[in-house]
Amino acid sequence: MKFLDKIKYNADGLVPAIIQDAEDGTVLMMAWMNKDSLKATMETKKTNFWSRSRQKYWVKGESSGHIQEVKEVYYDCDADTLLIKVKQHGAACHVGYRSCFYTQVGLDGSEKIVGEKLFDPDKVYGK
C-alpha cells in the first residue's frame, strides 16, 4: 500500500479522518489515524483510529457494536486529510447520536439539537 507513504502525517504522526455515510453523504464523525491504524483500516475494512486522549488504538464499535464498514477511502490534494466513506451500523457518536455533528449553530450564535439520538450511552457503556 504505497499510498500510506504519500500521506502527510502531522508532527505527532497523525492525520485527520472525516467519516462520511457512503449512502446519504452525512458527515458522521472526525477522528485521528496514524499509519498503522490507516493500514489496519484498509486490511480489516473497519475503521481503526488512534485515541489522542487514551494514547491507544481503537476500532469503531469495539465497545458499542456500532461498527463502520469501509466502502471507499480518499485523501485530499495536499495528502493531509482523509475522507472515508462507510456503511454505519448503529450510531457513530459515542453520546448516542447518528452523527457527531448533531448541534446546529445559528448565525446569531444560537444552538439547536438537530440530530437523531439512537441510543442511551449509559445503557451501552455503563457509568
C-alpha atoms as a PDB file:
ATOM      1  CA  MET A   1       0.000   0.000   0.000  1.00  0.00           C
ATOM      2  CA  LYS A   2       2.279   2.699  -1.341  1.00  0.00           C
ATOM      3  CA  PHE A   3      -0.262   5.445  -0.679  1.00  0.00           C
ATOM      4  CA  LEU A   4       0.423   5.139   3.085  1.00  0.00           C
ATOM      5  CA  ASP A   5       3.761   6.860   2.492  1.00  0.00           C
ATOM      6  CA  LYS A   6       2.154   9.655   0.452  1.00  0.00           C
ATOM      7  CA  ILE A   7       0.018  10.774   3.382  1.00  0.00           C
ATOM      8  CA  LYS A   8       1.359  13.810   5.249  1.00  0.00           C
ATOM      9  CA  TYR A   9       1.038  12.981   8.929  1.00  0.00           C
ATOM     10  CA  ASN A  10       1.393  15.816  11.455  1.00  0.00           C
ATOM     11  CA  ALA A  11       4.240  16.148  13.974  1.00  0.00           C
ATOM     12  CA  ASP A  12       2.513  13.535  16.166  1.00  0.00           C
ATOM     13  CA  GLY A  13       2.291  11.095  13.252  1.00  0.00           C
ATOM     14  CA  LEU A  14      -1.456  11.623  12.850  1.00  0.00           C
ATOM     15  CA  VAL A  15      -3.810  12.584  10.049  1.00  0.00           C
ATOM     16  CA  PRO A  16      -7.443  13.718  10.453  1.00  0.00           C
ATOM     17  CA  ALA A  17     -10.027  11.333   9.020  1.00  0.00           C
ATOM     18  CA  ILE A  18     -13.502  12.548   8.149  1.00  0.00           C
ATOM     19  CA  ILE A  19     -16.004   9.698   8.223  1.00  0.00           C
ATOM     20  CA  GLN A  20     -18.988  10.022   5.893  1.00  0.00           C
ATOM     21  CA  ASP A  21     -22.040   7.828   5.281  1.00  0.00           C
ATOM     22  CA  ALA A  22     -21.478   6.215   1.874  1.00  0.00           C
ATOM     23  CA  GLU A  23     -25.196   6.124   1.116  1.00  0.00           C
ATOM     24  CA  ASP A  24     -26.568   9.553   2.073  1.00  0.00           C
ATOM     25  CA  GLY A  25     -23.413  11.686   2.450  1.00  0.00           C
ATOM     26  CA  THR A  26     -23.954  12.582   6.114  1.00  0.00           C
ATOM     27  CA  VAL A  27     -20.697  13.528   7.830  1.00  0.00           C
ATOM     28  CA  LEU A  28     -20.691  11.147  10.783  1.00  0.00           C
ATOM     29  CA  MET A  29     -17.525  11.999  12.692  1.00  0.00           C
ATOM     30  CA  MET A  30     -13.892  13.044  12.608  1.00  0.00           C
ATOM     31  CA  ALA A  31     -11.113  11.078  14.284  1.00  0.00           C
ATOM     32  CA  TRP A  32      -7.350  10.700  14.070  1.00  0.00           C
ATOM     33  CA  MET A  33      -5.401   7.960  12.333  1.00  0.00           C
ATOM     34  CA  ASN A  34      -1.745   7.131  12.199  1.00  0.00           C
ATOM     35  CA  LYS A  35      -0.054   4.992   9.574  1.00  0.00           C
ATOM     36  CA  ASP A  36      -0.732   1.750  11.455  1.00  0.00           C
ATOM     37  CA  SER A  37      -4.416   2.471  12.086  1.00  0.00           C
ATOM     38  CA  LEU A  38      -4.893   3.503   8.449  1.00  0.00           C
ATOM     39  CA  LYS A  39      -3.222   0.294   7.310  1.00  0.00           C
ATOM     40  CA  ALA A  40      -5.424  -1.739   9.683  1.00  0.00           C
ATOM     41  CA  THR A  41      -8.497   0.082   8.326  1.00  0.00           C
ATOM     42  CA  MET A  42      -7.570  -0.935   4.790  1.00  0.00           C
ATOM     43  CA  GLU A  43      -6.871  -4.535   5.799  1.00  0.00           C
ATOM     44  CA  THR A  44      -9.928  -5.120   8.016  1.00  0.00           C
ATOM     45  CA  LYS A  45     -12.387  -2.895   6.107  1.00  0.00           C
ATOM     46  CA  LYS A  46     -13.432  -1.465   9.505  1.00  0.00           C
ATOM     47  CA  THR A  47     -12.368   1.945  10.794  1.00  0.00           C
ATOM     48  CA  ASN A  48      -9.390   1.897  13.160  1.00  0.00           C
ATOM     49  CA  PHE A  49      -8.251   5.067  14.901  1.00  0.00           C
ATOM     50  CA  TRP A  50      -5.671   6.469  17.297  1.00  0.00           C
ATOM     51  CA  SER A  51      -7.080   7.936  20.507  1.00  0.00           C
ATOM     52  CA  ARG A  52      -5.084  11.004  21.499  1.00  0.00           C
ATOM     53  CA  SER A  53      -6.671  11.107  24.963  1.00  0.00           C
ATOM     54  CA  ARG A  54      -6.146   7.417  25.754  1.00  0.00           C
ATOM     55  CA  GLN A  55      -2.940   7.050  23.707  1.00  0.00           C
ATOM     56  CA  LYS A  56      -4.075   3.782  22.162  1.00  0.00           C
ATOM     57  CA  TYR A  57      -5.667   2.243  19.102  1.00  0.00           C
ATOM     58  CA  TRP A  58      -9.377   1.685  18.910  1.00  0.00           C
ATOM     59  CA  VAL A  59     -11.733   0.113  16.427  1.00  0.00           C
ATOM     60  CA  LYS A  60     -15.002   1.972  15.966  1.00  0.00           C
ATOM     61  CA  GLY A  61     -17.721  -0.116  17.572  1.00  0.00           C
ATOM     62  CA  GLU A  62     -15.454  -2.304  19.710  1.00  0.00           C
ATOM     63  CA  SER A  63     -17.489  -1.357  22.819  1.00  0.00           C
ATOM     64  CA  SER A  64     -20.863  -0.422  21.360  1.00  0.00           C
ATOM     65  CA  GLY A  65     -21.115  -2.778  18.415  1.00  0.00           C
ATOM     66  CA  HIS A  66     -21.763   0.252  16.178  1.00  0.00           C
ATOM     67  CA  ILE A  67     -19.115  -0.573  13.579  1.00  0.00           C
ATOM     68  CA  GLN A  68     -18.210   1.261  10.409  1.00  0.00           C
ATOM     69  CA  GLU A  69     -17.829  -0.894   7.311  1.00  0.00           C
ATOM     70  CA  VAL A  70     -15.376   0.865   4.982  1.00  0.00           C
ATOM     71  CA  LYS A  71     -16.580   1.332   1.404  1.00  0.00           C
ATOM     72  CA  GLU A  72     -14.201   3.960  -0.050  1.00  0.00           C
ATOM     73  CA  VAL A  73     -11.080   5.852   1.055  1.00  0.00           C
ATOM     74  CA  TYR A  74      -9.857   9.181  -0.334  1.00  0.00           C
ATOM     75  CA  TYR A  75      -7.141  11.674   0.540  1.00  0.00           C
ATOM     76  CA  ASP A  76      -7.197  15.367  -0.331  1.00  0.00           C
ATOM     77  CA  CYS A  77      -4.997  17.322  -2.744  1.00  0.00           C
ATOM     78  CA  ASP A  78      -2.444  18.094  -0.012  1.00  0.00           C
ATOM     79  CA  ALA A  79      -2.491  14.466   1.198  1.00  0.00           C
ATOM     80  CA  ASP A  80      -3.045  15.718   4.761  1.00  0.00           C
ATOM     81  CA  THR A  81      -6.707  14.784   5.322  1.00  0.00           C
ATOM     82  CA  LEU A  82      -8.594  11.543   4.746  1.00  0.00           C
ATOM     83  CA  LEU A  83     -12.203  11.047   3.722  1.00  0.00           C
ATOM     84  CA  ILE A  84     -13.543   7.592   4.485  1.00  0.00           C
ATOM     85  CA  LYS A  85     -16.980   6.555   3.256  1.00  0.00           C
ATOM     86  CA  VAL A  86     -18.616   3.870   5.361  1.00  0.00           C
ATOM     87  CA  LYS A  87     -21.750   1.892   5.965  1.00  0.00           C
ATOM     88  CA  GLN A  88     -22.573   2.860   9.540  1.00  0.00           C
ATOM     89  CA  HIS A  89     -24.077   0.143  11.718  1.00  0.00           C
ATOM     90  CA  GLY A  90     -25.888   1.928  14.561  1.00  0.00           C
ATOM     91  CA  ALA A  91     -24.802   5.346  15.769  1.00  0.00           C
ATOM     92  CA  ALA A  92     -21.450   6.983  15.001  1.00  0.00           C
ATOM     93  CA  CYS A  93     -21.439   9.289  18.032  1.00  0.00           C
ATOM     94  CA  HIS A  94     -20.466   7.939  21.451  1.00  0.00           C
ATOM     95  CA  VAL A  95     -23.153  10.071  23.102  1.00  0.00           C
ATOM     96  CA  GLY A  96     -25.854   8.284  21.121  1.00  0.00           C
ATOM     97  CA  TYR A  97     -26.483  10.372  18.028  1.00  0.00           C
ATOM     98  CA  ARG A  98     -26.270   9.064  14.481  1.00  0.00           C
ATOM     99  CA  SER A  99     -23.654  11.740  13.693  1.00  0.00           C
ATOM    100  CA  CYS A 100     -21.253  13.573  15.987  1.00  0.00           C
ATOM    101  CA  PHE A 101     -22.384  16.764  14.246  1.00  0.00           C
ATOM    102  CA  TYR A 102     -25.818  16.978  15.854  1.00  0.00           C
ATOM    103  CA  THR A 103     -25.699  20.573  17.124  1.00  0.00           C
ATOM    104  CA  GLN A 104     -26.505  23.339  14.663  1.00  0.00           C
ATOM    105  CA  VAL A 105     -25.222  26.830  15.426  1.00  0.00           C
ATOM    106  CA  GLY A 106     -27.234  29.728  14.043  1.00  0.00           C
ATOM    107  CA  LEU A 107     -25.504  32.784  12.648  1.00  0.00           C
ATOM    108  CA  ASP A 108     -26.737  34.623  15.742  1.00  0.00           C
ATOM    109  CA  GLY A 109     -24.869  32.128  17.960  1.00  0.00           C
ATOM    110  CA  SER A 110     -27.956  30.176  18.991  1.00  0.00           C
ATOM    111  CA  GLU A 111     -27.689  26.403  19.276  1.00  0.00           C
ATOM    112  CA  LYS A 112     -30.184  23.735  18.288  1.00  0.00           C
ATOM    113  CA  ILE A 113     -30.015  19.936  18.519  1.00  0.00           C
ATOM    114  CA  VAL A 114     -30.888  18.676  15.038  1.00  0.00           C
ATOM    115  CA  GLY A 115     -29.525  15.144  15.151  1.00  0.00           C
ATOM    116  CA  GLU A 116     -31.257  11.864  15.738  1.00  0.00           C
ATOM    117  CA  LYS A 117     -30.396  10.154  19.029  1.00  0.00           C
ATOM    118  CA  LEU A 118     -30.255   6.390  18.541  1.00  0.00           C
ATOM    119  CA  PHE A 119     -29.186   5.083  21.950  1.00  0.00           C
ATOM    120  CA  ASP A 120     -28.603   5.946  25.601  1.00  0.00           C
ATOM    121  CA  PRO A 121     -24.820   5.896  26.215  1.00  0.00           C
ATOM    122  CA  ASP A 122     -25.287   4.961  29.896  1.00  0.00           C
ATOM    123  CA  LYS A 123     -27.012   1.760  28.821  1.00  0.00           C
ATOM    124  CA  VAL A 124     -24.358   0.922  26.230  1.00  0.00           C
ATOM    125  CA  TYR A 125     -21.162   1.933  28.034  1.00  0.00           C
ATOM    126  CA  GLY A 126     -22.360   1.966  31.659  1.00  0.00           C
ATOM    127  CA  LYS A 127     -21.371   4.566  34.245  1.00  0.00           C
END
